[in-house]
C-alpha cells in the first residue's frame, strides 16, 4: 500500500492537492489496515484522510530547501530506469 506514497517536497511545479490527497489516502489505508473502510468506519476514515492532507499541506508549505527544485519528468525517468533494472523492461501491450 505505502509504496505509492512519493516524496512531494521541492518539486517544480509544486505538489498538487490531488497528489497530497492521494498520499494521505495511502497513509491512512496503511495505518488503518483497510484498503476500503466498512460503512461503519467510512466517516472516520474520510475525516482522517482530510486531516492528514491538511497536515501534509502545512508541512510542505513550511519546509525550506537550499537545493534547486527537482523536475518531475527527470525523477519519473530515473524511477523508470530503476524499475527496468530491478524488474526488466516494461512490456508493451
N, C-alpha and C. Protein backbone atom coordinates (compact mmCIF):
# COMPACT_ATOMS: atom_id res chain seq x y z
N UNK A 1 0.81 -1.20 0.00
CA UNK A 1 0.00 0.00 0.00
C UNK A 1 0.85 1.26 0.00
N UNK A 2 1.77 1.41 0.93
CA UNK A 2 2.51 2.66 1.07
C UNK A 2 3.59 2.87 0.02
N UNK A 3 3.87 1.88 -0.78
CA UNK A 3 4.87 2.08 -1.83
C UNK A 3 4.44 3.17 -2.79
N UNK A 4 3.16 3.50 -2.82
CA UNK A 4 2.65 4.51 -3.72
C UNK A 4 2.83 5.92 -3.20
N UNK A 5 3.27 6.07 -1.97
CA UNK A 5 3.49 7.41 -1.43
C UNK A 5 4.85 7.89 -1.93
N UNK A 6 4.82 8.98 -2.69
CA UNK A 6 6.03 9.54 -3.28
C UNK A 6 6.42 10.82 -2.55
N UNK A 7 7.71 11.15 -2.54
CA UNK A 7 8.10 12.44 -1.98
C UNK A 7 7.38 13.57 -2.74
N UNK A 8 6.92 14.57 -2.00
CA UNK A 8 6.17 15.67 -2.62
C UNK A 8 6.85 17.02 -2.45
N UNK A 9 7.94 17.06 -1.69
CA UNK A 9 8.58 18.34 -1.41
C UNK A 9 9.65 18.68 -2.44
N UNK A 10 9.76 19.94 -2.73
CA UNK A 10 10.82 20.53 -3.56
C UNK A 10 10.77 20.06 -5.01
N UNK A 11 9.57 20.07 -5.57
CA UNK A 11 9.38 19.77 -6.97
C UNK A 11 8.86 21.00 -7.69
N UNK A 12 9.16 21.06 -8.96
CA UNK A 12 8.63 22.12 -9.80
C UNK A 12 7.86 21.47 -10.93
N UNK A 13 6.58 21.70 -11.05
CA UNK A 13 5.72 22.51 -10.19
C UNK A 13 5.47 21.83 -8.85
N UNK A 14 5.05 22.61 -7.85
CA UNK A 14 4.81 22.04 -6.51
C UNK A 14 3.72 20.97 -6.54
N UNK A 15 3.69 20.20 -5.48
CA UNK A 15 2.69 19.14 -5.34
C UNK A 15 1.29 19.72 -5.44
N UNK A 16 0.42 18.99 -6.12
CA UNK A 16 -0.97 19.42 -6.25
C UNK A 16 -1.78 18.91 -5.06
N UNK A 17 -2.96 19.48 -4.88
CA UNK A 17 -3.84 19.00 -3.82
C UNK A 17 -4.21 17.53 -4.07
N UNK A 18 -4.35 17.16 -5.34
CA UNK A 18 -4.67 15.77 -5.67
C UNK A 18 -3.55 14.82 -5.24
N UNK A 19 -2.31 15.22 -5.44
CA UNK A 19 -1.18 14.38 -5.01
C UNK A 19 -1.12 14.26 -3.50
N UNK A 20 -1.36 15.36 -2.81
CA UNK A 20 -1.35 15.35 -1.35
C UNK A 20 -2.49 14.49 -0.82
N UNK A 21 -3.66 14.62 -1.42
CA UNK A 21 -4.82 13.82 -1.00
C UNK A 21 -4.54 12.33 -1.25
N UNK A 22 -3.94 12.01 -2.39
CA UNK A 22 -3.62 10.61 -2.70
C UNK A 22 -2.63 10.01 -1.73
N UNK A 23 -1.59 10.77 -1.39
CA UNK A 23 -0.61 10.29 -0.41
C UNK A 23 -1.26 10.12 0.96
N UNK A 24 -2.15 11.03 1.31
CA UNK A 24 -2.84 10.95 2.60
C UNK A 24 -3.74 9.73 2.65
N UNK A 25 -4.43 9.45 1.56
CA UNK A 25 -5.28 8.26 1.48
C UNK A 25 -4.45 7.00 1.66
N UNK A 26 -3.30 6.92 1.00
CA UNK A 26 -2.43 5.75 1.13
C UNK A 26 -1.93 5.60 2.56
N UNK A 27 -1.58 6.71 3.20
CA UNK A 27 -1.10 6.67 4.57
C UNK A 27 -2.19 6.15 5.51
N UNK A 28 -3.40 6.67 5.38
CA UNK A 28 -4.50 6.23 6.25
C UNK A 28 -4.84 4.77 5.98
N UNK A 29 -4.80 4.36 4.72
CA UNK A 29 -5.03 2.94 4.41
C UNK A 29 -4.00 2.07 5.11
N UNK A 30 -2.76 2.49 5.07
CA UNK A 30 -1.68 1.70 5.66
C UNK A 30 -1.85 1.57 7.17
N UNK A 31 -2.03 2.70 7.84
CA UNK A 31 -2.07 2.63 9.31
C UNK A 31 -3.38 2.02 9.82
N UNK A 32 -4.47 2.12 9.04
CA UNK A 32 -5.73 1.52 9.48
C UNK A 32 -5.80 0.04 9.13
N UNK A 33 -5.07 -0.35 8.09
CA UNK A 33 -5.15 -1.72 7.62
C UNK A 33 -6.33 -1.97 6.69
N UNK A 34 -7.05 -0.91 6.34
CA UNK A 34 -8.23 -1.02 5.47
C UNK A 34 -7.94 -0.45 4.09
N UNK A 35 -7.96 -1.26 3.04
CA UNK A 35 -7.88 -0.68 1.70
C UNK A 35 -9.12 0.15 1.41
N UNK A 36 -10.25 -0.29 1.96
CA UNK A 36 -11.52 0.44 1.86
C UNK A 36 -12.26 0.19 3.16
N UNK A 37 -12.66 1.25 3.86
CA UNK A 37 -13.31 1.04 5.16
C UNK A 37 -14.73 0.52 5.01
N UNK A 38 -15.22 -0.10 6.06
CA UNK A 38 -16.62 -0.52 6.10
C UNK A 38 -17.49 0.74 6.22
N UNK A 39 -18.79 0.57 6.00
CA UNK A 39 -19.70 1.71 6.14
C UNK A 39 -19.63 2.30 7.54
N UNK A 40 -19.45 1.45 8.53
CA UNK A 40 -19.38 1.92 9.92
C UNK A 40 -18.16 2.80 10.16
N UNK A 41 -17.10 2.58 9.41
CA UNK A 41 -15.85 3.34 9.60
C UNK A 41 -15.61 4.39 8.53
N UNK A 42 -16.49 4.50 7.56
CA UNK A 42 -16.27 5.37 6.42
C UNK A 42 -16.08 6.85 6.81
N UNK A 43 -16.90 7.35 7.70
CA UNK A 43 -16.81 8.76 8.10
C UNK A 43 -15.50 9.04 8.82
N UNK A 44 -15.12 8.17 9.73
CA UNK A 44 -13.86 8.35 10.47
C UNK A 44 -12.68 8.27 9.51
N UNK A 45 -12.74 7.35 8.56
CA UNK A 45 -11.68 7.17 7.57
C UNK A 45 -11.53 8.43 6.72
N UNK A 46 -12.65 8.95 6.19
CA UNK A 46 -12.62 10.15 5.36
C UNK A 46 -12.10 11.35 6.14
N UNK A 47 -12.52 11.47 7.40
CA UNK A 47 -12.06 12.58 8.24
C UNK A 47 -10.56 12.48 8.46
N UNK A 48 -10.06 11.28 8.70
CA UNK A 48 -8.62 11.08 8.90
C UNK A 48 -7.84 11.45 7.65
N UNK A 49 -8.33 11.06 6.48
CA UNK A 49 -7.65 11.41 5.22
C UNK A 49 -7.58 12.92 5.07
N UNK A 50 -8.68 13.61 5.34
CA UNK A 50 -8.70 15.08 5.23
C UNK A 50 -7.74 15.73 6.22
N UNK A 51 -7.69 15.22 7.44
CA UNK A 51 -6.81 15.79 8.46
C UNK A 51 -5.34 15.54 8.12
N UNK A 52 -5.02 14.36 7.61
CA UNK A 52 -3.64 14.07 7.21
C UNK A 52 -3.25 14.96 6.03
N UNK A 53 -4.15 15.14 5.08
CA UNK A 53 -3.87 16.00 3.93
C UNK A 53 -3.62 17.43 4.37
N UNK A 54 -4.41 17.90 5.32
CA UNK A 54 -4.22 19.27 5.83
C UNK A 54 -2.86 19.40 6.52
N UNK A 55 -2.49 18.42 7.32
CA UNK A 55 -1.19 18.45 7.99
C UNK A 55 -0.05 18.37 6.98
N UNK A 56 -0.23 17.54 5.96
CA UNK A 56 0.80 17.42 4.92
C UNK A 56 0.98 18.73 4.17
N UNK A 57 -0.11 19.41 3.84
CA UNK A 57 -0.03 20.69 3.15
C UNK A 57 0.70 21.71 4.01
N UNK A 58 0.36 21.78 5.30
CA UNK A 58 1.06 22.71 6.21
C UNK A 58 2.55 22.39 6.25
N UNK A 59 2.88 21.11 6.33
CA UNK A 59 4.29 20.71 6.36
C UNK A 59 4.99 21.15 5.09
N UNK A 60 4.43 20.82 3.93
CA UNK A 60 5.07 21.17 2.67
C UNK A 60 5.22 22.68 2.51
N UNK A 61 4.24 23.43 2.98
CA UNK A 61 4.30 24.89 2.89
C UNK A 61 5.34 25.49 3.82
N UNK A 62 5.71 24.78 4.89
CA UNK A 62 6.65 25.34 5.86
C UNK A 62 8.09 24.89 5.64
N UNK A 63 8.31 23.85 4.85
CA UNK A 63 9.66 23.35 4.60
C UNK A 63 10.44 24.30 3.68
N UNK A 64 11.74 24.38 3.91
CA UNK A 64 12.62 25.18 3.05
C UNK A 64 13.77 24.31 2.57
N UNK A 65 14.30 24.66 1.42
CA UNK A 65 15.42 23.90 0.87
C UNK A 65 16.35 24.84 0.13
N UNK A 66 17.63 24.60 0.27
CA UNK A 66 18.63 25.36 -0.49
C UNK A 66 18.85 24.73 -1.86
N UNK A 67 18.40 23.49 -2.04
CA UNK A 67 18.57 22.77 -3.30
C UNK A 67 17.58 23.30 -4.34
N UNK A 68 17.98 23.22 -5.58
CA UNK A 68 17.08 23.59 -6.66
C UNK A 68 15.92 22.60 -6.72
N UNK A 69 14.73 23.07 -7.09
CA UNK A 69 13.59 22.14 -7.21
C UNK A 69 13.88 21.05 -8.22
N UNK A 70 13.38 19.85 -7.90
CA UNK A 70 13.57 18.70 -8.80
C UNK A 70 12.52 18.74 -9.90
N UNK A 71 12.89 18.19 -11.04
CA UNK A 71 11.98 18.09 -12.17
C UNK A 71 11.20 16.79 -12.07
N UNK A 72 9.90 16.87 -12.20
CA UNK A 72 9.07 15.66 -12.15
C UNK A 72 9.41 14.71 -13.28
N UNK A 73 9.68 15.25 -14.46
CA UNK A 73 10.00 14.40 -15.61
C UNK A 73 11.31 13.65 -15.40
N UNK A 74 12.32 14.35 -14.89
CA UNK A 74 13.62 13.71 -14.66
C UNK A 74 13.49 12.63 -13.59
N UNK A 75 12.78 12.92 -12.52
CA UNK A 75 12.60 11.94 -11.45
C UNK A 75 11.79 10.74 -11.94
N UNK A 76 10.79 10.97 -12.77
CA UNK A 76 10.00 9.86 -13.32
C UNK A 76 10.87 8.97 -14.20
N UNK A 77 11.74 9.57 -15.00
CA UNK A 77 12.63 8.78 -15.86
C UNK A 77 13.61 7.97 -15.02
N UNK A 78 14.13 8.56 -13.96
CA UNK A 78 15.03 7.82 -13.05
C UNK A 78 14.30 6.63 -12.44
N UNK A 79 13.06 6.83 -12.05
CA UNK A 79 12.26 5.73 -11.48
C UNK A 79 12.03 4.63 -12.51
N UNK A 80 11.74 5.02 -13.75
CA UNK A 80 11.55 4.01 -14.80
C UNK A 80 12.82 3.19 -15.01
N UNK A 81 13.97 3.87 -15.01
CA UNK A 81 15.24 3.16 -15.19
C UNK A 81 15.52 2.21 -14.02
N UNK A 82 15.25 2.66 -12.79
CA UNK A 82 15.43 1.79 -11.62
C UNK A 82 14.53 0.57 -11.72
N UNK A 83 13.27 0.80 -12.10
CA UNK A 83 12.32 -0.32 -12.22
C UNK A 83 12.73 -1.28 -13.32
N UNK A 84 13.21 -0.73 -14.44
CA UNK A 84 13.64 -1.60 -15.55
C UNK A 84 14.83 -2.45 -15.10
N UNK A 85 15.73 -1.86 -14.35
CA UNK A 85 16.90 -2.60 -13.86
C UNK A 85 16.46 -3.68 -12.87
N UNK A 86 15.49 -3.35 -12.03
CA UNK A 86 15.05 -4.28 -11.00
C UNK A 86 14.12 -5.37 -11.55
N UNK A 87 13.18 -4.99 -12.41
CA UNK A 87 12.14 -5.91 -12.86
C UNK A 87 12.24 -6.28 -14.35
N UNK A 88 13.12 -5.68 -15.08
CA UNK A 88 13.21 -5.91 -16.52
C UNK A 88 12.41 -4.84 -17.26
N UNK A 89 12.62 -4.73 -18.55
CA UNK A 89 11.92 -3.70 -19.32
C UNK A 89 10.39 -3.90 -19.31
N UNK A 90 9.69 -2.79 -19.37
CA UNK A 90 8.22 -2.86 -19.41
C UNK A 90 7.76 -3.47 -20.71
N UNK A 91 6.74 -4.30 -20.62
CA UNK A 91 6.18 -4.92 -21.83
C UNK A 91 5.13 -4.01 -22.42
N UNK A 92 5.18 -3.87 -23.73
CA UNK A 92 4.18 -3.05 -24.41
C UNK A 92 3.02 -3.94 -24.78
N UNK A 93 1.83 -3.38 -24.66
CA UNK A 93 0.68 -4.23 -24.90
C UNK A 93 -0.28 -3.65 -25.77
